[in-house]
Amino acid sequence: MTTAPRSPRLLVLSAVVLAVAGIALLGMPHGQVPRATTTPAATAAQAATDPSSAADVPPDGRPTASTSPATAPATSAPSAVESALPPHGEGAAGDPAVQRNLEAAWPSDLPAADERVLLAAGRALLRADATGIGRAKWPMVFPDSGGAVAPAFATAGFRIQAAIARRDGSPDKAVVHLVWAGMDRGGSFTDLRITDWHFTRTVKKGTTTWTPQPRT
């Protein structure tokens, strides 16, 4: 029985494969041999002679994936607010950065006139609440303002670091968000404290009044 002649295309492909293999062997540096594939037996033998590699070899001698910690996925970049916050204890020099953070995180949404009124009231309320100064001006907010009340924070060192006034879910409601620093009765000074004061708006005869709400 005679066999059919091989396809010319198959012969050409075989010749190309042999030529590539020959070029690869010629290009290998003299004396260098291809690296042998590591077998389970060779791995176990290496572990016996090199104790430092024993931790990577399981009891059955089977090769496992590398136990080096995988590269952790990159975390999301911190927000502008978090990245620009000054460290605790920065002092008054860090206050402008806190103010910029608040304004960037919560864009203004109130008329400029309302914002000025709310900021002035919010600052005064915070000072009265923390130091006891000026509580009598808001008897509805501070019912105990007529008696002697020991302030929670000393006047010395009290500082408002930043403040913004924004709408609070309604055109007739607003909140003043304040960041401040102060020393408590125990003598502990802490900055970047946060306090919110809420207001409601009433309009009578064309005059707008923002009324602070008692803190709950």
C-alpha atoms as a PDB file:
ATOM      1  CA  MET A   1       0.000   0.000   0.000  1.00  0.00           C
ATOM      2  CA  THR A   2       1.364   3.418  -0.904  1.00  0.00           C
ATOM      3  CA  THR A   3       0.934   6.480   1.296  1.00  0.00           C
ATOM      4  CA  ALA A   4      -0.257   9.795   0.052  1.00  0.00           C
ATOM      5  CA  PRO A   5       2.459  12.452  -0.319  1.00  0.00           C
ATOM      6  CA  ARG A   6       2.612  14.993   2.492  1.00  0.00           C
ATOM      7  CA  SER A   7       1.053  18.377   1.963  1.00  0.00           C
ATOM      8  CA  PRO A   8       3.560  21.045   0.802  1.00  0.00           C
ATOM      9  CA  ARG A   9       2.092  23.402   3.392  1.00  0.00           C
ATOM     10  CA  LEU A  10       2.865  20.930   6.175  1.00  0.00           C
ATOM     11  CA  LEU A  11       6.465  20.603   4.950  1.00  0.00           C
ATOM     12  CA  VAL A  12       6.910  24.372   4.925  1.00  0.00           C
ATOM     13  CA  LEU A  13       5.557  24.703   8.461  1.00  0.00           C
ATOM     14  CA  SER A  14       7.868  21.964   9.708  1.00  0.00           C
ATOM     15  CA  ALA A  15      10.856  23.694   8.157  1.00  0.00           C
ATOM     16  CA  VAL A  16       9.973  26.992   9.797  1.00  0.00           C
ATOM     17  CA  VAL A  17       9.612  25.366  13.221  1.00  0.00           C
ATOM     18  CA  LEU A  18      12.996  23.665  12.907  1.00  0.00           C
ATOM     19  CA  ALA A  19      14.648  26.897  11.787  1.00  0.00           C
ATOM     20  CA  VAL A  20      13.266  28.830  14.769  1.00  0.00           C
ATOM     21  CA  ALA A  21      14.403  26.123  17.164  1.00  0.00           C
ATOM     22  CA  GLY A  22      17.888  26.199  15.692  1.00  0.00           C
ATOM     23  CA  ILE A  23      18.133  29.983  15.988  1.00  0.00           C
ATOM     24  CA  ALA A  24      17.053  29.813  19.634  1.00  0.00           C
ATOM     25  CA  LEU A  25      19.765  27.248  20.422  1.00  0.00           C
ATOM     26  CA  LEU A  26      22.437  29.271  18.643  1.00  0.00           C
ATOM     27  CA  GLY A  27      21.427  32.418  20.522  1.00  0.00           C
ATOM     28  CA  MET A  28      21.806  30.778  23.945  1.00  0.00           C
ATOM     29  CA  PRO A  29      25.076  31.737  25.740  1.00  0.00           C
ATOM     30  CA  HIS A  30      27.767  29.081  25.713  1.00  0.00           C
ATOM     31  CA  GLY A  31      27.474  26.642  28.582  1.00  0.00           C
ATOM     32  CA  GLN A  32      23.953  27.668  29.525  1.00  0.00           C
ATOM     33  CA  VAL A  33      21.356  24.966  29.621  1.00  0.00           C
ATOM     34  CA  PRO A  34      17.612  25.365  29.824  1.00  0.00           C
ATOM     35  CA  ARG A  35      16.296  25.539  33.382  1.00  0.00           C
ATOM     36  CA  ALA A  36      14.690  22.290  34.376  1.00  0.00           C
ATOM     37  CA  THR A  37      11.158  22.268  35.605  1.00  0.00           C
ATOM     38  CA  THR A  38      11.048  21.826  39.368  1.00  0.00           C
ATOM     39  CA  THR A  39       9.440  18.561  40.348  1.00  0.00           C
ATOM     40  CA  PRO A  40       7.801  17.778  43.660  1.00  0.00           C
ATOM     41  CA  ALA A  41      10.688  15.479  44.546  1.00  0.00           C
ATOM     42  CA  ALA A  42      13.249  18.197  43.830  1.00  0.00           C
ATOM     43  CA  THR A  43      11.267  20.691  45.872  1.00  0.00           C
ATOM     44  CA  ALA A  44      11.138  18.318  48.822  1.00  0.00           C
ATOM     45  CA  ALA A  45      14.878  17.691  48.545  1.00  0.00           C
ATOM     46  CA  GLN A  46      15.579  21.410  48.558  1.00  0.00           C
ATOM     47  CA  ALA A  47      13.437  21.799  51.668  1.00  0.00           C
ATOM     48  CA  ALA A  48      15.461  19.094  53.415  1.00  0.00           C
ATOM     49  CA  THR A  49      18.794  20.803  52.680  1.00  0.00           C
ATOM     50  CA  ASP A  50      17.586  24.383  53.010  1.00  0.00           C
ATOM     51  CA  PRO A  51      15.405  24.887  56.137  1.00  0.00           C
ATOM     52  CA  SER A  52      14.504  28.416  55.034  1.00  0.00           C
ATOM     53  CA  SER A  53      12.476  27.023  52.166  1.00  0.00           C
ATOM     54  CA  ALA A  54      10.650  24.384  54.239  1.00  0.00           C
ATOM     55  CA  ALA A  55       7.887  26.788  55.204  1.00  0.00           C
ATOM     56  CA  ASP A  56       6.860  27.002  51.555  1.00  0.00           C
ATOM     57  CA  VAL A  57       6.549  23.244  51.069  1.00  0.00           C
ATOM     58  CA  PRO A  58       3.387  21.460  52.259  1.00  0.00           C
ATOM     59  CA  PRO A  59       3.650  18.058  53.995  1.00  0.00           C
ATOM     60  CA  ASP A  60       2.776  16.093  50.854  1.00  0.00           C
ATOM     61  CA  GLY A  61       5.588  17.705  48.882  1.00  0.00           C
ATOM     62  CA  ARG A  62       3.271  19.194  46.267  1.00  0.00           C
ATOM     63  CA  PRO A  63       4.207  22.597  44.982  1.00  0.00           C
ATOM     64  CA  THR A  64       1.838  25.371  45.992  1.00  0.00           C
ATOM     65  CA  ALA A  65       1.278  28.909  44.895  1.00  0.00           C
ATOM     66  CA  SER A  66       3.593  31.530  46.346  1.00  0.00           C
ATOM     67  CA  THR A  67       2.713  32.454  49.908  1.00  0.00           C
ATOM     68  CA  SER A  68       4.036  35.985  49.623  1.00  0.00           C
ATOM     69  CA  PRO A  69       1.324  38.537  50.449  1.00  0.00           C
ATOM     70  CA  ALA A  70      -0.634  39.600  47.427  1.00  0.00           C
ATOM     71  CA  THR A  71      -0.410  43.168  46.379  1.00  0.00           C
ATOM     72  CA  ALA A  72      -3.263  44.997  48.060  1.00  0.00           C
ATOM     73  CA  PRO A  73      -5.633  46.765  45.705  1.00  0.00           C
ATOM     74  CA  ALA A  74      -5.105  50.440  45.557  1.00  0.00           C
ATOM     75  CA  THR A  75      -7.453  52.232  47.895  1.00  0.00           C
ATOM     76  CA  SER A  76      -9.527  55.072  46.671  1.00  0.00           C
ATOM     77  CA  ALA A  77      -7.847  58.428  46.943  1.00  0.00           C
ATOM     78  CA  PRO A  78      -8.912  60.376  50.016  1.00  0.00           C
ATOM     79  CA  SER A  79     -11.456  63.077  49.456  1.00  0.00           C
ATOM     80  CA  ALA A  80     -10.406  66.682  49.290  1.00  0.00           C
ATOM     81  CA  VAL A  81     -11.873  67.221  52.705  1.00  0.00           C
ATOM     82  CA  GLU A  82      -9.860  64.448  54.341  1.00  0.00           C
ATOM     83  CA  SER A  83      -6.593  65.148  52.543  1.00  0.00           C
ATOM     84  CA  ALA A  84      -6.525  68.889  53.289  1.00  0.00           C
ATOM     85  CA  LEU A  85      -7.441  68.695  56.966  1.00  0.00           C
ATOM     86  CA  PRO A  86      -4.610  69.952  59.164  1.00  0.00           C
ATOM     87  CA  PRO A  87      -3.320  67.638  61.880  1.00  0.00           C
ATOM     88  CA  HIS A  88      -4.570  68.000  65.427  1.00  0.00           C
ATOM     89  CA  GLY A  89      -2.696  70.650  67.347  1.00  0.00           C
ATOM     90  CA  GLU A  90      -1.814  72.665  64.259  1.00  0.00           C
ATOM     91  CA  GLY A  91      -3.154  75.806  65.917  1.00  0.00           C
ATOM     92  CA  ALA A  92      -4.709  78.851  64.279  1.00  0.00           C
ATOM     93  CA  ALA A  93      -2.423  78.389  61.266  1.00  0.00           C
ATOM     94  CA  GLY A  94      -4.493  75.370  60.227  1.00  0.00           C
ATOM     95  CA  ASP A  95      -7.884  77.085  60.505  1.00  0.00           C
ATOM     96  CA  PRO A  96      -8.002  78.409  56.913  1.00  0.00           C
ATOM     97  CA  ALA A  97      -7.582  74.843  55.627  1.00  0.00           C
ATOM     98  CA  VAL A  98     -10.541  73.699  57.735  1.00  0.00           C
ATOM     99  CA  GLN A  99     -12.655  76.552  56.366  1.00  0.00           C
ATOM    100  CA  ARG A 100     -11.730  75.682  52.781  1.00  0.00           C
ATOM    101  CA  ASN A 101     -12.665  72.059  53.404  1.00  0.00           C
ATOM    102  CA  LEU A 102     -16.112  72.946  54.687  1.00  0.00           C
ATOM    103  CA  GLU A 103     -16.816  75.259  51.790  1.00  0.00           C
ATOM    104  CA  ALA A 104     -15.609  72.713  49.234  1.00  0.00           C
ATOM    105  CA  ALA A 105     -17.577  69.846  50.771  1.00  0.00           C
ATOM    106  CA  TRP A 106     -20.805  71.804  51.155  1.00  0.00           C
ATOM    107  CA  PRO A 107     -21.243  74.543  48.534  1.00  0.00           C
ATOM    108  CA  SER A 108     -23.169  77.632  49.529  1.00  0.00           C
ATOM    109  CA  ASP A 109     -26.931  77.519  48.920  1.00  0.00           C
ATOM    110  CA  LEU A 110     -28.212  80.517  50.904  1.00  0.00           C
ATOM    111  CA  PRO A 111     -28.466  84.202  50.059  1.00  0.00           C
ATOM    112  CA  ALA A 112     -25.406  86.075  51.265  1.00  0.00           C
ATOM    113  CA  ALA A 113     -27.434  88.199  53.694  1.00  0.00           C
ATOM    114  CA  ASP A 114     -29.035  85.153  55.339  1.00  0.00           C
ATOM    115  CA  GLU A 115     -25.672  83.428  55.536  1.00  0.00           C
ATOM    116  CA  ARG A 116     -24.093  86.368  57.364  1.00  0.00           C
ATOM    117  CA  VAL A 117     -26.938  86.513  59.908  1.00  0.00           C
ATOM    118  CA  LEU A 118     -26.832  82.773  60.521  1.00  0.00           C
ATOM    119  CA  LEU A 119     -23.059  82.666  60.905  1.00  0.00           C
ATOM    120  CA  ALA A 120     -23.072  85.476  63.442  1.00  0.00           C
ATOM    121  CA  ALA A 121     -25.842  83.802  65.444  1.00  0.00           C
ATOM    122  CA  GLY A 122     -24.225  80.361  65.221  1.00  0.00           C
ATOM    123  CA  ARG A 123     -20.886  81.648  66.455  1.00  0.00           C
ATOM    124  CA  ALA A 124     -22.496  83.479  69.371  1.00  0.00           C
ATOM    125  CA  LEU A 125     -24.564  80.431  70.295  1.00  0.00           C
ATOM    126  CA  LEU A 126     -21.535  78.180  70.285  1.00  0.00           C
ATOM    127  CA  ARG A 127     -19.571  80.563  72.496  1.00  0.00           C
ATOM    128  CA  ALA A 128     -22.507  80.842  74.897  1.00  0.00           C
ATOM    129  CA  ASP A 129     -22.964  77.083  75.010  1.00  0.00           C
ATOM    130  CA  ALA A 130     -19.265  76.300  75.537  1.00  0.00           C
ATOM    131  CA  THR A 131     -18.169  79.136  77.823  1.00  0.00           C
ATOM    132  CA  GLY A 132     -21.469  80.377  79.302  1.00  0.00           C
ATOM    133  CA  ILE A 133     -20.962  83.886  77.935  1.00  0.00           C
ATOM    134  CA  GLY A 134     -24.146  85.454  76.479  1.00  0.00           C
ATOM    135  CA  ARG A 135     -26.635  82.711  77.328  1.00  0.00           C
ATOM    136  CA  ALA A 136     -29.201  85.204  78.599  1.00  0.00           C
ATOM    137  CA  LYS A 137     -29.727  86.402  75.027  1.00  0.00           C
ATOM    138  CA  TRP A 138     -31.409  83.076  74.129  1.00  0.00           C
ATOM    139  CA  PRO A 139     -33.575  81.982  77.067  1.00  0.00           C
ATOM    140  CA  MET A 140     -35.451  79.493  74.867  1.00  0.00           C
ATOM    141  CA  VAL A 141     -32.209  77.794  73.945  1.00  0.00           C
ATOM    142  CA  PHE A 142     -30.619  78.041  77.405  1.00  0.00           C
ATOM    143  CA  PRO A 143     -33.414  77.776  79.983  1.00  0.00           C
ATOM    144  CA  ASP A 144     -30.898  77.743  82.816  1.00  0.00           C
ATOM    145  CA  SER A 145     -29.219  80.974  81.745  1.00  0.00           C
ATOM    146  CA  GLY A 146     -30.645  82.853  84.749  1.00  0.00           C
ATOM    147  CA  GLY A 147     -28.725  80.733  87.262  1.00  0.00           C
ATOM    148  CA  ALA A 148     -25.060  80.139  87.887  1.00  0.00           C
ATOM    149  CA  VAL A 149     -23.827  77.528  85.457  1.00  0.00           C
ATOM    150  CA  ALA A 150     -20.270  76.302  85.402  1.00  0.00           C
ATOM    151  CA  PRO A 151     -19.027  76.555  81.810  1.00  0.00           C
ATOM    152  CA  ALA A 152     -17.960  73.324  80.182  1.00  0.00           C
ATOM    153  CA  PHE A 153     -15.020  75.032  78.480  1.00  0.00           C
ATOM    154  CA  ALA A 154     -12.691  77.785  79.521  1.00  0.00           C
ATOM    155  CA  THR A 155     -12.822  81.121  77.759  1.00  0.00           C
ATOM    156  CA  ALA A 156      -9.058  81.041  77.314  1.00  0.00           C
ATOM    157  CA  GLY A 157      -8.155  78.876  74.378  1.00  0.00           C
ATOM    158  CA  PHE A 158     -11.693  78.787  72.956  1.00  0.00           C
ATOM    159  CA  ARG A 159     -11.490  79.301  69.209  1.00  0.00           C
ATOM    160  CA  ILE A 160     -13.873  78.815  66.308  1.00  0.00           C
ATOM    161  CA  GLN A 161     -11.801  77.331  63.540  1.00  0.00           C
ATOM    162  CA  ALA A 162     -14.367  77.376  60.741  1.00  0.00           C
ATOM    163  CA  ALA A 163     -18.076  77.864  60.160  1.00  0.00           C
ATOM    164  CA  ILE A 164     -20.596  77.617  57.324  1.00  0.00           C
ATOM    165  CA  ALA A 165     -24.357  78.173  57.096  1.00  0.00           C
ATOM    166  CA  ARG A 166     -26.412  76.047  54.711  1.00  0.00           C
ATOM    167  CA  ARG A 167     -30.003  75.045  54.055  1.00  0.00           C
ATOM    168  CA  ASP A 168     -31.320  72.178  56.120  1.00  0.00           C
ATOM    169  CA  GLY A 169     -33.643  70.359  53.721  1.00  0.00           C
ATOM    170  CA  SER A 170     -35.990  73.314  53.290  1.00  0.00           C
ATOM    171  CA  PRO A 171     -35.762  76.998  52.327  1.00  0.00           C
ATOM    172  CA  ASP A 172     -37.162  77.813  55.789  1.00  0.00           C
ATOM    173  CA  LYS A 173     -34.614  75.724  57.668  1.00  0.00           C
ATOM    174  CA  ALA A 174     -30.883  76.157  58.004  1.00  0.00           C
ATOM    175  CA  VAL A 175     -27.972  74.699  59.912  1.00  0.00           C
ATOM    176  CA  VAL A 176     -24.754  76.361  61.009  1.00  0.00           C
ATOM    177  CA  HIS A 177     -21.908  73.880  61.033  1.00  0.00           C
ATOM    178  CA  LEU A 178     -18.986  74.889  63.258  1.00  0.00           C
ATOM    179  CA  VAL A 179     -15.549  73.437  63.885  1.00  0.00           C
ATOM    180  CA  TRP A 180     -13.848  74.693  67.023  1.00  0.00           C
ATOM    181  CA  ALA A 181     -11.199  74.185  69.693  1.00  0.00           C
ATOM    182  CA  GLY A 182     -11.345  74.496  73.458  1.00  0.00           C
ATOM    183  CA  MET A 183     -10.101  73.314  76.830  1.00  0.00           C
ATOM    184  CA  ASP A 184     -12.567  71.409  79.000  1.00  0.00           C
ATOM    185  CA  ARG A 185     -12.831  71.454  82.778  1.00  0.00           C
ATOM    186  CA  GLY A 186     -10.309  68.679  83.075  1.00  0.00           C
ATOM    187  CA  GLY A 187      -7.679  70.758  81.298  1.00  0.00           C
ATOM    188  CA  SER A 188      -7.761  68.723  78.099  1.00  0.00           C
ATOM    189  CA  PHE A 189      -7.445  70.843  74.975  1.00  0.00           C
ATOM    190  CA  THR A 190      -8.928  69.449  71.773  1.00  0.00           C
ATOM    191  CA  ASP A 191      -9.394  71.013  68.370  1.00  0.00           C
ATOM    192  CA  LEU A 192     -11.519  70.013  65.382  1.00  0.00           C
ATOM    193  CA  ARG A 193     -14.617  69.684  67.553  1.00  0.00           C
ATOM    194  CA  ILE A 194     -17.914  69.822  65.647  1.00  0.00           C
ATOM    195  CA  THR A 195     -21.199  71.480  66.636  1.00  0.00           C
ATOM    196  CA  ASP A 196     -24.364  72.107  64.620  1.00  0.00           C
ATOM    197  CA  TRP A 197     -27.007  74.743  65.363  1.00  0.00           C
ATOM    198  CA  HIS A 198     -30.351  74.516  63.589  1.00  0.00           C
ATOM    199  CA  PHE A 199     -32.549  77.490  62.692  1.00  0.00           C
ATOM    200  CA  THR A 200     -36.031  78.086  61.341  1.00  0.00           C
ATOM    201  CA  ARG A 201     -37.037  81.096  59.300  1.00  0.00           C
ATOM    202  CA  THR A 202     -40.109  83.228  59.767  1.00  0.00           C
ATOM    203  CA  VAL A 203     -41.137  86.196  57.640  1.00  0.00           C
ATOM    204  CA  LYS A 204     -43.309  88.944  59.119  1.00  0.00           C
ATOM    205  CA  LYS A 205     -44.113  92.135  57.248  1.00  0.00           C
ATOM    206  CA  GLY A 206     -41.251  91.530  54.873  1.00  0.00           C
ATOM    207  CA  THR A 207     -38.723  90.976  57.664  1.00  0.00           C
ATOM    208  CA  THR A 208     -36.898  87.649  57.819  1.00  0.00           C
ATOM    209  CA  THR A 209     -36.006  86.219  61.200  1.00  0.00           C
ATOM    210  CA  TRP A 210     -33.890  83.156  61.824  1.00  0.00           C
ATOM    211  CA  THR A 211     -34.749  81.513  65.169  1.00  0.00           C
ATOM    212  CA  PRO A 212     -32.334  79.015  66.750  1.00  0.00           C
ATOM    213  CA  GLN A 213     -33.754  75.707  67.893  1.00  0.00           C
ATOM    214  CA  PRO A 214     -32.942  74.168  71.284  1.00  0.00           C
ATOM    215  CA  ARG A 215     -30.414  71.390  71.071  1.00  0.00           C
ATOM    216  CA  THR A 216     -31.814  67.957  71.838  1.00  0.00           C
END
